[in-house]
Protein backbone atom coordinates (compact mmCIF):
# COMPACT_ATOMS: atom_id res chain seq x y z
CA MET A 1 20.07 -10.83 24.67
CA ILE A 2 17.59 -8.67 22.77
CA LYS A 3 18.71 -5.04 22.76
CA ALA A 4 16.82 -3.71 19.72
CA VAL A 5 13.42 -4.20 18.11
CA ILE A 6 13.04 -3.67 14.37
CA PHE A 7 9.55 -3.11 12.97
CA ASP A 8 8.43 -3.76 9.43
CA HIS A 9 6.23 -0.86 8.29
CA ASP A 10 3.30 -1.89 6.09
CA GLY A 11 0.88 -4.10 8.00
CA VAL A 12 2.84 -3.89 11.26
CA ILE A 13 2.69 -0.19 12.14
CA ALA A 14 -0.77 0.13 10.54
CA ASP A 15 -2.94 -1.72 8.05
CA THR A 16 -1.69 0.22 5.04
CA GLU A 17 -2.30 -2.49 2.43
CA PRO A 18 -5.79 -1.19 1.44
CA ILE A 19 -4.22 2.25 0.87
CA HIS A 20 -1.47 0.76 -1.28
CA LEU A 21 -4.02 -1.20 -3.31
CA ARG A 22 -5.95 2.02 -3.98
CA ALA A 23 -2.75 3.90 -4.88
CA ASP A 24 -1.63 1.08 -7.21
CA ASN A 25 -5.01 1.16 -8.93
CA ILE A 26 -4.93 4.94 -9.32
CA VAL A 27 -1.72 4.58 -11.33
CA LEU A 28 -2.72 1.36 -13.15
CA SER A 29 -6.04 2.93 -14.22
CA ARG A 30 -4.13 5.55 -16.24
CA PHE A 31 -3.02 2.69 -18.49
CA GLY A 32 -6.41 0.94 -18.51
CA TYR A 33 -5.61 -1.73 -15.92
CA GLY A 34 -6.41 -2.63 -12.32
CA THR A 35 -5.72 -5.22 -9.63
CA SER A 36 -7.68 -6.74 -6.74
CA ALA A 37 -6.74 -7.55 -3.14
CA SER A 38 -6.64 -11.28 -3.88
CA GLU A 39 -4.50 -10.78 -6.99
CA ASN A 40 -2.21 -8.51 -4.99
CA GLU A 41 -1.68 -10.87 -2.06
CA SER A 42 1.48 -12.41 -3.51
CA LEU A 43 3.04 -8.93 -3.73
CA VAL A 44 2.50 -8.09 -0.05
CA GLY A 45 5.88 -7.90 1.66
CA LEU A 46 7.82 -7.15 -1.52
CA SER A 47 9.41 -3.74 -2.00
CA THR A 48 7.41 -1.07 -3.83
CA LYS A 49 9.95 -1.16 -6.64
CA LYS A 50 9.75 -4.95 -7.01
CA SER A 51 5.93 -4.81 -7.04
CA TRP A 52 5.99 -2.25 -9.83
CA GLU A 53 8.56 -4.21 -11.80
CA ILE A 54 6.03 -7.06 -11.72
CA PHE A 55 3.08 -4.79 -12.67
CA ARG A 56 5.07 -3.21 -15.49
CA GLU A 57 5.94 -6.62 -16.95
CA MET A 58 2.46 -8.05 -16.39
CA PHE A 59 0.60 -5.18 -18.07
CA LYS A 60 3.35 -4.22 -20.56
CA ILE A 61 3.40 -0.62 -19.30
CA PRO A 62 5.87 1.53 -21.29
CA GLU A 63 6.77 3.96 -18.49
CA ALA A 64 9.97 3.48 -16.45
CA VAL A 65 9.68 1.68 -13.11
CA ASP A 66 11.10 4.66 -11.17
CA TYR A 67 8.41 6.94 -12.62
CA LEU A 68 5.63 4.46 -11.76
CA VAL A 69 6.95 4.07 -8.22
CA GLN A 70 7.04 7.83 -7.68
CA GLU A 71 3.48 8.19 -8.98
CA LYS A 72 2.23 5.39 -6.74
CA THR A 73 4.10 6.85 -3.73
CA SER A 74 2.55 10.28 -4.33
CA ALA A 75 -0.93 8.75 -4.57
CA ALA A 76 -0.45 6.84 -1.27
CA VAL A 77 0.89 9.92 0.55
CA GLU A 78 -2.09 11.94 -0.68
CA ILE A 79 -4.59 9.35 0.61
CA ILE A 80 -2.87 9.19 4.02
CA GLY A 81 -2.73 12.99 4.22
CA LYS A 82 -6.42 13.43 3.40
CA GLU A 83 -7.96 10.46 5.22
CA GLY A 84 -5.49 9.70 8.01
CA ILE A 85 -4.67 6.23 9.31
CA LYS A 86 -5.09 4.25 12.52
CA PRO A 87 -2.24 2.48 14.33
CA ASN A 88 -2.48 -1.26 14.79
CA GLU A 89 -4.01 -2.31 18.10
CA GLY A 90 -1.39 -2.35 20.86
CA LEU A 91 1.27 -0.52 18.83
CA LEU A 92 1.38 2.67 20.89
CA GLN A 93 1.52 0.73 24.17
CA LEU A 94 4.33 -1.48 22.83
CA LEU A 95 6.39 1.50 21.62
CA GLU A 96 6.01 3.20 24.99
CA LYS A 97 7.04 0.01 26.82
CA LEU A 98 10.12 -0.44 24.62
CA LYS A 99 11.11 3.20 25.22
CA THR A 100 10.63 2.87 28.99
CA ASN A 101 12.78 -0.27 29.08
CA GLY A 102 15.61 1.24 27.02
CA TYR A 103 15.37 -0.80 23.83
CA LYS A 104 16.65 0.63 20.56
CA VAL A 105 13.83 0.80 18.02
CA ALA A 106 13.95 0.94 14.21
CA ILE A 107 11.84 0.53 11.08
CA ALA A 108 13.18 -1.59 8.20
CA SER A 109 10.88 -1.63 5.19
CA GLY A 110 10.75 -2.00 1.45
CA GLN A 111 8.38 0.96 1.44
CA TYR A 112 9.48 4.39 0.22
CA ARG A 113 10.50 6.96 2.84
CA LYS A 114 7.80 9.48 1.87
CA VAL A 115 5.07 6.96 2.72
CA ILE A 116 6.73 5.90 5.99
CA ASP A 117 7.12 9.55 7.02
CA ALA A 118 3.48 10.30 6.13
CA VAL A 119 2.26 7.46 8.37
CA LEU A 120 4.59 8.27 11.28
CA THR A 121 3.63 11.95 11.11
CA LYS A 122 -0.11 11.19 11.11
CA LEU A 123 0.29 8.81 14.06
CA LYS A 124 2.70 11.18 15.86
CA ILE A 125 5.15 8.34 16.58
CA ALA A 126 8.27 9.32 14.60
CA GLY A 127 10.15 10.08 17.84
CA TYR A 128 10.13 6.43 18.91
CA PHE A 129 12.36 5.33 16.01
CA SER A 130 16.07 6.16 16.08
CA VAL A 131 16.69 4.46 12.71
CA ILE A 132 14.55 4.12 9.58
CA VAL A 133 15.73 2.09 6.60
CA SER A 134 13.45 2.45 3.57
CA GLY A 135 13.15 0.80 0.18
CA GLU A 136 15.28 3.36 -1.65
CA GLU A 137 18.27 2.67 0.58
CA THR A 138 18.83 -1.01 -0.18
CA ALA A 139 19.76 -2.77 -3.41
CA LYS A 140 17.82 -5.95 -2.60
CA GLY A 141 14.32 -6.25 -1.19
CA LYS A 142 12.97 -8.88 1.19
CA PRO A 143 13.34 -11.90 1.39
CA ASP A 144 16.97 -10.75 1.12
CA PRO A 145 18.15 -9.75 4.64
CA GLU A 146 19.91 -6.55 3.53
CA VAL A 147 17.33 -4.15 5.00
CA PHE A 148 17.50 -5.76 8.45
CA ILE A 149 21.30 -6.05 8.46
CA THR A 150 21.50 -2.35 7.49
CA ALA A 151 19.15 -1.42 10.34
CA ALA A 152 21.23 -3.42 12.87
CA LYS A 153 24.43 -1.68 11.72
CA ARG A 154 22.84 1.75 12.11
CA LEU A 155 21.61 0.76 15.57
CA ASN A 156 25.17 -0.39 16.43
CA THR A 157 23.68 -3.73 17.46
CA ASN A 158 24.61 -7.28 16.46
CA PRO A 159 21.94 -9.08 14.38
CA GLU A 160 21.55 -11.80 17.05
CA ASP A 161 20.62 -9.07 19.56
CA CYS A 162 17.74 -7.82 17.39
CA ALA A 163 14.10 -8.90 17.31
CA VAL A 164 12.00 -8.25 14.20
CA ILE A 165 8.23 -7.82 14.02
CA GLU A 166 6.94 -8.87 10.60
CA ASP A 167 3.67 -9.83 8.94
CA SER A 168 4.69 -11.23 5.55
CA GLU A 169 6.33 -14.45 4.41
CA SER A 170 9.15 -12.62 2.61
CA GLY A 171 9.73 -10.42 5.68
CA VAL A 172 9.99 -13.41 8.02
CA MET A 173 12.41 -15.09 5.59
CA ALA A 174 14.54 -11.91 5.52
CA ALA A 175 14.62 -11.63 9.33
CA LYS A 176 15.60 -15.28 9.73
CA ALA A 177 18.29 -14.92 7.03
CA ALA A 178 19.68 -11.94 8.97
CA GLY A 179 20.04 -14.19 12.03
CA MET A 180 17.43 -12.30 14.05
CA LEU A 181 14.62 -13.42 16.31
CA CYS A 182 11.35 -12.91 14.41
CA VAL A 183 7.84 -12.43 15.75
CA ALA A 184 5.08 -12.78 13.15
CA LEU A 185 1.95 -10.67 13.29
CA ARG A 186 -1.18 -12.03 11.60
CA THR A 187 -2.77 -9.32 9.48
CA PRO A 188 -5.79 -9.26 7.10
CA SER A 189 -3.52 -8.95 4.06
CA THR A 190 -1.18 -11.83 4.95
CA THR A 191 -3.53 -14.56 6.25
CA ASN A 192 -2.30 -17.03 3.62
CA HIS A 193 1.40 -16.31 4.11
CA ASP A 194 3.58 -19.04 5.62
CA VAL A 195 5.17 -17.42 8.66
CA SER A 196 5.75 -20.70 10.53
CA SER A 197 9.52 -20.14 10.76
CA ALA A 198 8.99 -17.07 12.99
C-alpha cells in the first residue's frame, strides 16, 4: 500500500532544465566553452556533480569539480531569485491532495540543496515536504537507488510502500532499483528518454 510519495526535483517540481543550461553556460563561458540543450540531453537526470565531472573531462577544465559545482549552483540560484519560476501544471493541486489524504511527501534529487531551497521558497511549497534528500547527501547519483532508499528511511517507510514521480531515464531506473512504484512524467527536456519501465 502506498504511504509516501517521493518527487524528483528538476523537471518534476518545475521545468528547471533551461535554468540549469543557462547556469552551466555561465560557468563554461569563463573557460571559453558552451553547451546546447540537445548536447545536454544525455546529462538530464544525472547529479550536478556527475554532470560537471563530464564537462570537466570533456573540455579539459583545470578547476576542481567541487568548485565548478558551487559556481554553477550559485548561478542557478541567482537566476531563480531574480526571475522566479513557475510550478509544473497540476503540482500544487497534487501536493494539496496528498496532504489532505495523509501521505508522507519527500523530494529525492541529485540537485544541490541551495537550488532546491531556492525553487521551493519561490513557489512557497517547502511546507509540503517532510524530507528532502539532495545531491550532496548521497555518494552515488541516479541511476543508483541510494537517494530514494535514503528518502524512504527518513520517511520511516518501506521502499515498497513508496511511489516515485520522475521524468528522466536514470531517475526511473533508480526508482525501480529501489523497489518502488514509479510514475513517469513527460517533460520537454526528457522527450527522448526511455521511461517505459515506469
